[in-house]
N, C-alpha and C. Protein backbone atom coordinates (compact mmCIF):
# COMPACT_ATOMS: atom_id res chain seq x y z
N MET A 1 5.33 -10.35 -40.42
CA MET A 1 5.20 -10.76 -39.05
C MET A 1 6.57 -11.13 -38.49
N SER A 2 6.71 -10.91 -37.26
CA SER A 2 8.00 -11.19 -36.65
C SER A 2 8.12 -12.67 -36.30
N LEU A 3 9.31 -13.07 -36.07
CA LEU A 3 9.60 -14.46 -35.73
C LEU A 3 8.92 -14.87 -34.42
N TYR A 4 8.88 -13.96 -33.46
CA TYR A 4 8.25 -14.26 -32.17
C TYR A 4 6.75 -14.46 -32.31
N LEU A 5 6.12 -13.72 -33.19
CA LEU A 5 4.68 -13.87 -33.42
C LEU A 5 4.38 -15.24 -34.02
N TRP A 6 5.18 -15.68 -35.00
CA TRP A 6 4.99 -17.00 -35.60
C TRP A 6 5.23 -18.10 -34.56
N PHE A 7 6.25 -17.92 -33.76
CA PHE A 7 6.53 -18.90 -32.71
C PHE A 7 5.38 -18.99 -31.72
N GLY A 8 4.86 -17.86 -31.30
CA GLY A 8 3.72 -17.83 -30.38
C GLY A 8 2.48 -18.46 -30.99
N LEU A 9 2.24 -18.19 -32.28
CA LEU A 9 1.09 -18.76 -32.97
C LEU A 9 1.21 -20.29 -33.04
N MET A 10 2.41 -20.80 -33.31
CA MET A 10 2.61 -22.25 -33.36
C MET A 10 2.43 -22.89 -31.98
N VAL A 11 2.88 -22.22 -30.94
CA VAL A 11 2.72 -22.75 -29.58
C VAL A 11 1.25 -22.79 -29.20
N VAL A 12 0.51 -21.73 -29.51
CA VAL A 12 -0.93 -21.69 -29.20
C VAL A 12 -1.67 -22.77 -29.98
N THR A 13 -1.37 -22.90 -31.26
CA THR A 13 -2.03 -23.92 -32.09
C THR A 13 -1.72 -25.33 -31.57
N SER A 14 -0.49 -25.58 -31.23
CA SER A 14 -0.11 -26.90 -30.69
C SER A 14 -0.80 -27.17 -29.36
N SER A 15 -0.92 -26.16 -28.54
CA SER A 15 -1.59 -26.32 -27.24
C SER A 15 -3.06 -26.64 -27.42
N ILE A 16 -3.71 -25.94 -28.34
CA ILE A 16 -5.13 -26.21 -28.61
C ILE A 16 -5.31 -27.62 -29.14
N TRP A 17 -4.45 -28.03 -30.05
CA TRP A 17 -4.52 -29.37 -30.61
C TRP A 17 -4.33 -30.42 -29.51
N LEU A 18 -3.37 -30.21 -28.63
CA LEU A 18 -3.11 -31.14 -27.53
C LEU A 18 -4.30 -31.21 -26.58
N LEU A 19 -4.85 -30.07 -26.22
CA LEU A 19 -6.01 -30.05 -25.32
C LEU A 19 -7.21 -30.73 -25.95
N TRP A 20 -7.39 -30.56 -27.24
CA TRP A 20 -8.50 -31.20 -27.95
C TRP A 20 -8.44 -32.72 -27.77
N PHE A 21 -7.27 -33.31 -27.95
CA PHE A 21 -7.15 -34.76 -27.84
C PHE A 21 -7.11 -35.25 -26.40
N LEU A 22 -6.78 -34.39 -25.46
CA LEU A 22 -6.86 -34.79 -24.06
C LEU A 22 -8.31 -34.82 -23.59
N TYR A 23 -9.11 -33.89 -24.05
CA TYR A 23 -10.51 -33.85 -23.63
C TYR A 23 -11.40 -34.75 -24.47
N ARG A 24 -11.04 -34.99 -25.71
CA ARG A 24 -11.82 -35.86 -26.59
C ARG A 24 -10.89 -36.93 -27.15
N PRO A 25 -10.64 -37.99 -26.41
CA PRO A 25 -9.72 -39.02 -26.91
C PRO A 25 -10.31 -39.71 -28.13
N LEU A 26 -9.46 -40.34 -28.87
CA LEU A 26 -9.90 -41.06 -30.06
C LEU A 26 -10.90 -42.13 -29.66
N GLN A 27 -11.93 -42.30 -30.47
CA GLN A 27 -12.94 -43.31 -30.18
C GLN A 27 -12.34 -44.69 -30.39
N ASN A 28 -12.63 -45.57 -29.46
CA ASN A 28 -12.13 -46.93 -29.61
C ASN A 28 -13.12 -47.74 -30.44
N ASN A 29 -12.70 -48.88 -30.90
CA ASN A 29 -13.53 -49.71 -31.76
C ASN A 29 -13.85 -51.03 -31.08
N MET A 30 -14.23 -50.98 -29.80
CA MET A 30 -14.54 -52.21 -29.07
C MET A 30 -15.74 -52.93 -29.67
N PHE A 31 -16.73 -52.17 -30.14
CA PHE A 31 -17.90 -52.80 -30.73
C PHE A 31 -17.50 -53.61 -31.95
N ASN A 32 -16.66 -53.04 -32.80
CA ASN A 32 -16.20 -53.75 -33.98
C ASN A 32 -15.36 -54.96 -33.60
N LEU A 33 -14.59 -54.85 -32.55
CA LEU A 33 -13.77 -55.96 -32.08
C LEU A 33 -14.65 -57.10 -31.58
N GLU A 34 -15.72 -56.77 -30.86
CA GLU A 34 -16.63 -57.81 -30.38
C GLU A 34 -17.30 -58.51 -31.56
N LYS A 35 -17.78 -57.74 -32.54
CA LYS A 35 -18.42 -58.34 -33.70
C LYS A 35 -17.45 -59.22 -34.47
N SER A 36 -16.21 -58.78 -34.56
CA SER A 36 -15.20 -59.55 -35.27
C SER A 36 -14.92 -60.86 -34.55
N ASN A 37 -14.80 -60.82 -33.23
CA ASN A 37 -14.55 -62.04 -32.45
C ASN A 37 -15.70 -63.02 -32.60
N ILE A 38 -16.92 -62.53 -32.55
CA ILE A 38 -18.09 -63.40 -32.70
C ILE A 38 -18.11 -64.02 -34.09
N SER A 39 -17.82 -63.21 -35.09
CA SER A 39 -17.81 -63.71 -36.47
C SER A 39 -16.75 -64.78 -36.67
N LEU A 40 -15.57 -64.55 -36.12
CA LEU A 40 -14.50 -65.55 -36.23
C LEU A 40 -14.85 -66.84 -35.50
N GLY A 41 -15.49 -66.71 -34.34
CA GLY A 41 -15.92 -67.90 -33.59
C GLY A 41 -16.92 -68.72 -34.37
N LYS A 42 -17.89 -68.04 -35.00
CA LYS A 42 -18.88 -68.75 -35.82
C LYS A 42 -18.23 -69.41 -37.02
N GLN A 43 -17.28 -68.72 -37.63
CA GLN A 43 -16.58 -69.28 -38.78
C GLN A 43 -15.79 -70.53 -38.39
N LYS A 44 -15.11 -70.48 -37.26
CA LYS A 44 -14.35 -71.64 -36.79
C LYS A 44 -15.27 -72.82 -36.50
N GLN A 45 -16.44 -72.54 -35.90
CA GLN A 45 -17.38 -73.63 -35.61
C GLN A 45 -17.95 -74.22 -36.89
N ALA A 46 -18.21 -73.38 -37.89
CA ALA A 46 -18.71 -73.89 -39.17
C ALA A 46 -17.66 -74.78 -39.85
N GLU A 47 -16.40 -74.36 -39.81
CA GLU A 47 -15.33 -75.19 -40.38
C GLU A 47 -15.21 -76.51 -39.64
N LEU A 48 -15.38 -76.45 -38.34
CA LEU A 48 -15.30 -77.65 -37.52
C LEU A 48 -16.43 -78.62 -37.88
N GLU A 49 -17.63 -78.09 -38.08
CA GLU A 49 -18.77 -78.94 -38.45
C GLU A 49 -18.56 -79.55 -39.84
N ARG A 50 -17.98 -78.79 -40.76
CA ARG A 50 -17.68 -79.34 -42.09
C ARG A 50 -16.66 -80.47 -41.98
N ASP A 51 -15.66 -80.28 -41.14
CA ASP A 51 -14.66 -81.34 -40.94
C ASP A 51 -15.31 -82.60 -40.38
N LEU A 52 -16.26 -82.43 -39.48
CA LEU A 52 -16.97 -83.58 -38.91
C LEU A 52 -17.81 -84.27 -39.97
N GLN A 53 -18.50 -83.50 -40.80
CA GLN A 53 -19.34 -84.08 -41.85
C GLN A 53 -18.51 -84.80 -42.90
N GLN A 54 -17.30 -84.32 -43.13
CA GLN A 54 -16.43 -84.96 -44.13
C GLN A 54 -15.59 -86.08 -43.51
N ASN A 55 -15.89 -86.40 -42.25
CA ASN A 55 -15.19 -87.46 -41.51
C ASN A 55 -13.68 -87.22 -41.40
N LEU A 56 -13.29 -85.96 -41.33
CA LEU A 56 -11.88 -85.63 -41.12
C LEU A 56 -11.53 -85.71 -39.64
N ILE A 57 -12.54 -85.54 -38.78
CA ILE A 57 -12.34 -85.64 -37.34
C ILE A 57 -13.48 -86.48 -36.77
N ASP A 58 -13.26 -87.05 -35.59
CA ASP A 58 -14.32 -87.83 -34.95
C ASP A 58 -15.09 -86.93 -33.96
N LYS A 59 -16.13 -87.49 -33.37
CA LYS A 59 -17.02 -86.70 -32.51
C LYS A 59 -16.32 -86.21 -31.24
N ASP A 60 -15.41 -87.00 -30.70
CA ASP A 60 -14.69 -86.57 -29.49
C ASP A 60 -13.82 -85.35 -29.76
N VAL A 61 -13.10 -85.39 -30.87
CA VAL A 61 -12.25 -84.24 -31.24
C VAL A 61 -13.14 -83.04 -31.55
N PHE A 62 -14.27 -83.28 -32.22
CA PHE A 62 -15.21 -82.21 -32.53
C PHE A 62 -15.70 -81.53 -31.26
N LYS A 63 -16.12 -82.34 -30.29
CA LYS A 63 -16.64 -81.77 -29.05
C LYS A 63 -15.56 -80.99 -28.31
N GLN A 64 -14.35 -81.54 -28.25
CA GLN A 64 -13.26 -80.87 -27.56
C GLN A 64 -12.91 -79.54 -28.25
N ALA A 65 -12.81 -79.57 -29.57
CA ALA A 65 -12.46 -78.35 -30.30
C ALA A 65 -13.56 -77.30 -30.20
N LYS A 66 -14.82 -77.74 -30.23
CA LYS A 66 -15.93 -76.80 -30.11
C LYS A 66 -15.94 -76.15 -28.72
N ASP A 67 -15.66 -76.95 -27.70
CA ASP A 67 -15.57 -76.39 -26.34
C ASP A 67 -14.43 -75.37 -26.23
N GLU A 68 -13.30 -75.67 -26.86
CA GLU A 68 -12.17 -74.74 -26.83
C GLU A 68 -12.51 -73.43 -27.54
N ILE A 69 -13.18 -73.53 -28.68
CA ILE A 69 -13.58 -72.33 -29.42
C ILE A 69 -14.53 -71.49 -28.58
N THR A 70 -15.50 -72.15 -27.95
CA THR A 70 -16.47 -71.44 -27.12
C THR A 70 -15.79 -70.77 -25.93
N GLN A 71 -14.87 -71.50 -25.30
CA GLN A 71 -14.16 -70.95 -24.14
C GLN A 71 -13.28 -69.76 -24.55
N THR A 72 -12.58 -69.89 -25.66
CA THR A 72 -11.73 -68.80 -26.15
C THR A 72 -12.56 -67.57 -26.47
N LEU A 73 -13.69 -67.78 -27.13
CA LEU A 73 -14.58 -66.66 -27.47
C LEU A 73 -15.10 -65.98 -26.22
N ALA A 74 -15.47 -66.77 -25.22
CA ALA A 74 -15.98 -66.20 -23.97
C ALA A 74 -14.90 -65.37 -23.27
N ILE A 75 -13.67 -65.86 -23.27
CA ILE A 75 -12.57 -65.12 -22.64
C ILE A 75 -12.31 -63.82 -23.39
N GLU A 76 -12.27 -63.88 -24.72
CA GLU A 76 -12.01 -62.68 -25.51
C GLU A 76 -13.12 -61.65 -25.33
N LEU A 77 -14.37 -62.11 -25.30
CA LEU A 77 -15.48 -61.17 -25.13
C LEU A 77 -15.47 -60.55 -23.74
N SER A 78 -15.10 -61.34 -22.73
CA SER A 78 -15.05 -60.77 -21.38
C SER A 78 -13.92 -59.75 -21.27
N GLN A 79 -12.82 -59.98 -21.98
CA GLN A 79 -11.72 -59.02 -21.96
C GLN A 79 -12.09 -57.74 -22.69
N THR A 80 -12.75 -57.85 -23.84
CA THR A 80 -13.13 -56.63 -24.57
C THR A 80 -14.24 -55.90 -23.84
N THR A 81 -15.16 -56.64 -23.21
CA THR A 81 -16.22 -55.99 -22.45
C THR A 81 -15.64 -55.31 -21.23
N GLY A 82 -14.70 -55.94 -20.56
CA GLY A 82 -14.04 -55.33 -19.40
C GLY A 82 -13.26 -54.10 -19.80
N ALA A 83 -12.61 -54.14 -20.95
CA ALA A 83 -11.84 -52.99 -21.42
C ALA A 83 -12.77 -51.85 -21.81
N SER A 84 -13.92 -52.17 -22.41
CA SER A 84 -14.83 -51.10 -22.82
C SER A 84 -15.50 -50.45 -21.61
N THR A 85 -15.77 -51.23 -20.56
CA THR A 85 -16.36 -50.61 -19.36
C THR A 85 -15.32 -49.80 -18.62
N ASP A 86 -14.06 -50.21 -18.67
CA ASP A 86 -12.99 -49.41 -18.05
C ASP A 86 -12.84 -48.08 -18.76
N ASN A 87 -12.95 -48.08 -20.08
CA ASN A 87 -12.80 -46.85 -20.84
C ASN A 87 -13.97 -45.90 -20.65
N GLN A 88 -15.15 -46.44 -20.34
CA GLN A 88 -16.33 -45.59 -20.19
C GLN A 88 -16.37 -44.92 -18.83
N GLN A 89 -15.65 -45.44 -17.85
CA GLN A 89 -15.71 -44.87 -16.50
C GLN A 89 -14.87 -43.66 -16.36
């Protein structure tokens, strides 16, 4: 085969590969990210409750930290949900 034929074959193959990824972008993992955020939030709350039971923190600190964890989780979930709806449109 001539050099021009190989060059043309490589250009066509590269173009097909590029078009494939433009029309079918890589799948995102927003669902896994949401599950991970929820799992981490539950884990943090469980650790916080253990600290309260072991008298490492008082009830005021417990309530404040639990509110912060809940607020952070809500913000993260709204960001991932917003990003997933943007990607679906």
